[in-house]
Amino acid sequence: MTRAWTQEEIVNWKEGRDKQRRKQGLPPFDELDANEKKTALEAQRTELFQSTQLTLRSMAWPLWRYPLSAYPAPRSGTLELPRNYLSPSGCDRLKFREGDNLNSLTYQYYDEVVDPVSYPGNNFVTDSAIQPKRHEYLGPSPKVAGYRFTQGIAEVAFWDDHLKTTWIGKRRWDVELEFDPVVEGWFVVEHT
């Protein structure tokens, strides 16, 4: 994703980076030689990647509890809700409008009781649940880390504490970073 920077934004961004470096007892970035810049950029990339992962995982809410915060849909679309872990049985789709609370819609769907005999996939919570709920088929500890929007489709980004895995639909996701040569810094693109 190419950013359009004004000269003022470039100066402000670099001043902010240098202010943070000074707090850490480090010299301004532009005073570093090529090798030092390379090392500093790798450290920035690693720290940004780890802190973003930590933030996403710590902010993820457990599907078996009603979410404490709302996630208003930025636009209308269709919410894809996997039936089970990594979606081998596909997804159900739910239409939503701009402003609808996606966290609430997701919770309501996965809080529904299902027939354990006919529902596809493995129940990760118990073999003989009296009233199993949909979320029990997503993993032992599924949490919602956010949503990914692509051409009117919203997909749920899951994080499972117990399995130590992240997934959206049929694929894994991770934090994606991009280097911007204009300011010589790393940025989070999205979690993909």
Protein backbone atom coordinates (compact mmCIF):
# COMPACT_ATOMS: atom_id res chain seq x y z
CA MET A 1 0.00 0.00 0.00
CA THR A 2 1.67 3.22 -1.15
CA ARG A 3 1.25 6.15 1.17
CA ALA A 4 1.03 9.72 -0.02
CA TRP A 5 3.13 11.81 2.36
CA THR A 6 3.20 15.58 2.58
CA GLN A 7 6.55 17.13 3.51
CA GLU A 8 5.10 18.14 6.89
CA GLU A 9 3.93 14.56 7.60
CA ILE A 10 7.38 13.19 6.73
CA VAL A 11 9.07 15.65 9.07
CA ASN A 12 6.56 14.93 11.88
CA TRP A 13 6.92 11.15 11.49
CA LYS A 14 10.71 11.28 11.53
CA GLU A 15 10.71 13.65 14.53
CA GLY A 16 8.45 11.23 16.39
CA ARG A 17 10.75 8.31 15.61
CA ASP A 18 13.82 10.29 16.73
CA LYS A 19 12.08 11.40 19.93
CA GLN A 20 11.37 7.77 20.77
CA ARG A 21 14.97 6.79 19.94
CA ARG A 22 16.31 9.55 22.22
CA LYS A 23 14.12 8.24 25.09
CA GLN A 24 15.85 4.88 24.58
CA GLY A 25 19.27 6.54 24.66
CA LEU A 26 19.80 6.08 20.91
CA PRO A 27 20.97 8.63 18.32
CA PRO A 28 18.58 10.03 15.67
CA PHE A 29 17.97 7.61 12.79
CA ASP A 30 19.48 9.88 10.09
CA GLU A 31 22.81 9.96 11.98
CA LEU A 32 23.25 6.18 11.63
CA ASP A 33 25.45 4.58 8.99
CA ALA A 34 24.02 1.99 6.55
CA ASN A 35 24.71 -1.03 8.78
CA GLU A 36 23.30 0.68 11.87
CA LYS A 37 20.17 1.68 9.92
CA LYS A 38 19.73 -1.90 8.74
CA THR A 39 19.98 -3.16 12.34
CA ALA A 40 17.63 -0.43 13.62
CA LEU A 41 15.04 -1.20 10.92
CA GLU A 42 15.13 -4.92 11.67
CA ALA A 43 14.63 -4.13 15.37
CA GLN A 44 11.71 -1.82 14.49
CA ARG A 45 10.16 -4.50 12.26
CA THR A 46 10.48 -7.18 14.94
CA GLU A 47 9.08 -4.94 17.68
CA LEU A 48 6.17 -3.77 15.50
CA PHE A 49 5.32 -7.32 14.45
CA GLN A 50 5.41 -8.66 18.03
CA SER A 51 3.53 -5.74 19.57
CA THR A 52 0.81 -5.89 16.89
CA GLN A 53 0.39 -9.64 17.40
CA LEU A 54 0.24 -9.15 21.16
CA THR A 55 -2.33 -6.37 20.82
CA LEU A 56 -4.54 -8.40 18.46
CA ARG A 57 -4.41 -11.46 20.68
CA SER A 58 -4.94 -9.61 23.94
CA MET A 59 -7.88 -7.67 22.50
CA ALA A 60 -9.50 -10.83 21.09
CA TRP A 61 -12.73 -11.73 22.83
CA PRO A 62 -13.81 -15.29 23.66
CA LEU A 63 -16.73 -16.59 21.62
CA TRP A 64 -18.38 -18.22 24.64
CA ARG A 65 -18.86 -14.80 26.29
CA TYR A 66 -20.77 -11.80 25.03
CA PRO A 67 -18.25 -9.22 23.70
CA LEU A 68 -17.57 -6.22 25.91
CA SER A 69 -17.09 -3.85 22.99
CA ALA A 70 -18.96 -3.17 19.79
CA TYR A 71 -17.47 -3.42 16.30
CA PRO A 72 -19.64 -1.22 14.04
CA ALA A 73 -19.56 -2.40 10.44
CA PRO A 74 -17.78 0.24 8.32
CA ARG A 75 -20.08 -0.58 5.38
CA SER A 76 -22.82 -3.03 4.42
CA GLY A 77 -21.89 -6.52 3.34
CA THR A 78 -21.94 -10.22 4.12
CA LEU A 79 -20.41 -11.80 7.21
CA GLU A 80 -18.86 -15.23 6.55
CA LEU A 81 -19.13 -17.49 9.58
CA PRO A 82 -17.20 -20.79 9.40
CA ARG A 83 -19.14 -23.83 10.62
CA ASN A 84 -16.03 -25.44 12.10
CA TYR A 85 -12.26 -25.14 12.55
CA LEU A 86 -10.58 -24.11 9.25
CA SER A 87 -13.96 -24.35 7.48
CA PRO A 88 -13.85 -27.84 5.89
CA SER A 89 -17.66 -27.73 5.95
CA GLY A 90 -17.86 -24.22 4.56
CA CYS A 91 -19.38 -21.05 5.96
CA ASP A 92 -22.79 -19.65 6.65
CA ARG A 93 -23.41 -16.13 5.43
CA LEU A 94 -25.22 -13.35 7.19
CA LYS A 95 -26.09 -9.97 5.63
CA PHE A 96 -25.34 -6.87 7.67
CA ARG A 97 -25.74 -3.11 7.21
CA GLU A 98 -23.33 -0.29 7.85
CA GLY A 99 -23.20 0.38 11.58
CA ASP A 100 -24.40 -3.11 12.65
CA ASN A 101 -22.40 -4.55 15.55
CA LEU A 102 -20.37 -7.35 13.97
CA ASN A 103 -19.22 -8.61 17.38
CA SER A 104 -22.81 -9.06 18.50
CA LEU A 105 -23.85 -10.77 15.23
CA THR A 106 -20.86 -13.13 15.49
CA TYR A 107 -21.60 -13.96 19.12
CA GLN A 108 -25.31 -14.61 18.46
CA TYR A 109 -24.49 -16.98 15.61
CA TYR A 110 -21.91 -19.01 17.55
CA ASP A 111 -23.99 -19.06 20.75
CA GLU A 112 -26.73 -21.09 19.03
CA VAL A 113 -27.33 -24.66 20.18
CA VAL A 114 -26.82 -27.27 17.43
CA ASP A 115 -27.66 -30.95 16.94
CA PRO A 116 -24.43 -32.86 17.74
CA VAL A 117 -25.45 -35.73 15.47
CA SER A 118 -25.93 -33.69 12.29
CA TYR A 119 -23.59 -30.73 12.87
CA PRO A 120 -20.39 -31.10 10.81
CA GLY A 121 -16.95 -31.35 12.38
CA ASN A 122 -15.48 -32.21 15.75
CA ASN A 123 -16.67 -30.71 19.00
CA PHE A 124 -13.46 -29.54 20.70
CA VAL A 125 -15.10 -28.95 24.07
CA THR A 126 -16.87 -32.22 24.82
CA ASP A 127 -17.89 -35.43 23.10
CA SER A 128 -21.28 -35.64 24.71
CA ALA A 129 -22.48 -32.10 25.21
CA ILE A 130 -26.09 -31.94 26.25
CA GLN A 131 -26.61 -28.76 24.27
CA PRO A 132 -23.50 -28.07 22.20
CA LYS A 133 -23.08 -24.62 20.74
CA ARG A 134 -21.54 -23.69 17.40
CA HIS A 135 -18.40 -22.15 18.92
CA GLU A 136 -17.44 -25.56 20.35
CA TYR A 137 -16.66 -26.72 16.78
CA LEU A 138 -14.13 -23.91 16.12
CA GLY A 139 -11.49 -25.06 18.59
CA PRO A 140 -11.06 -25.49 22.34
CA SER A 141 -10.64 -21.75 22.98
CA PRO A 142 -11.74 -19.69 19.94
CA LYS A 143 -11.51 -15.92 20.18
CA VAL A 144 -12.36 -13.16 17.70
CA ALA A 145 -9.31 -11.01 16.95
CA GLY A 146 -11.06 -8.84 14.34
CA TYR A 147 -12.50 -8.85 10.84
CA ARG A 148 -11.03 -8.72 7.38
CA PHE A 149 -13.02 -6.90 4.69
CA THR A 150 -12.70 -7.78 1.01
CA GLN A 151 -15.19 -6.71 -1.68
CA GLY A 152 -18.26 -6.63 0.57
CA ILE A 153 -17.31 -9.79 2.49
CA ALA A 154 -16.33 -9.64 6.16
CA GLU A 155 -14.38 -12.63 7.43
CA VAL A 156 -13.78 -13.34 11.11
CA ALA A 157 -10.15 -13.48 12.21
CA PHE A 158 -9.87 -16.15 14.90
CA TRP A 159 -7.18 -16.71 17.52
CA ASP A 160 -7.20 -19.88 19.64
CA ASP A 161 -5.22 -19.74 22.89
CA HIS A 162 -5.13 -23.48 23.36
CA LEU A 163 -4.13 -24.40 19.79
CA LYS A 164 -1.84 -21.33 19.52
CA THR A 165 -3.15 -20.69 16.03
CA THR A 166 -4.76 -17.92 14.01
CA TRP A 167 -7.11 -18.51 11.10
CA ILE A 168 -9.63 -16.91 8.75
CA GLY A 169 -11.90 -19.22 6.77
CA LYS A 170 -9.68 -21.99 5.39
CA ARG A 171 -6.32 -20.30 5.86
CA ARG A 172 -4.01 -19.06 8.56
CA TRP A 173 -3.51 -15.34 9.08
CA ASP A 174 -0.69 -13.29 10.43
CA VAL A 175 0.35 -9.67 10.80
CA GLU A 176 1.60 -8.23 7.51
CA LEU A 177 4.13 -5.40 7.55
CA GLU A 178 5.28 -3.11 4.75
CA PHE A 179 8.41 -0.98 4.48
CA ASP A 180 7.91 2.62 3.38
CA PRO A 181 11.11 3.98 1.77
CA VAL A 182 9.93 7.60 2.01
CA VAL A 183 10.25 7.68 5.80
CA GLU A 184 12.40 4.56 6.08
CA GLY A 185 10.04 2.77 8.45
CA TRP A 186 7.80 -0.28 8.83
CA PHE A 187 4.00 -0.11 8.99
CA VAL A 188 1.23 -2.62 9.67
CA VAL A 189 -0.68 -3.28 6.44
CA GLU A 190 -3.23 -5.60 8.04
CA HIS A 191 -3.48 -9.06 9.42
CA THR A 192 -3.71 -11.45 6.48
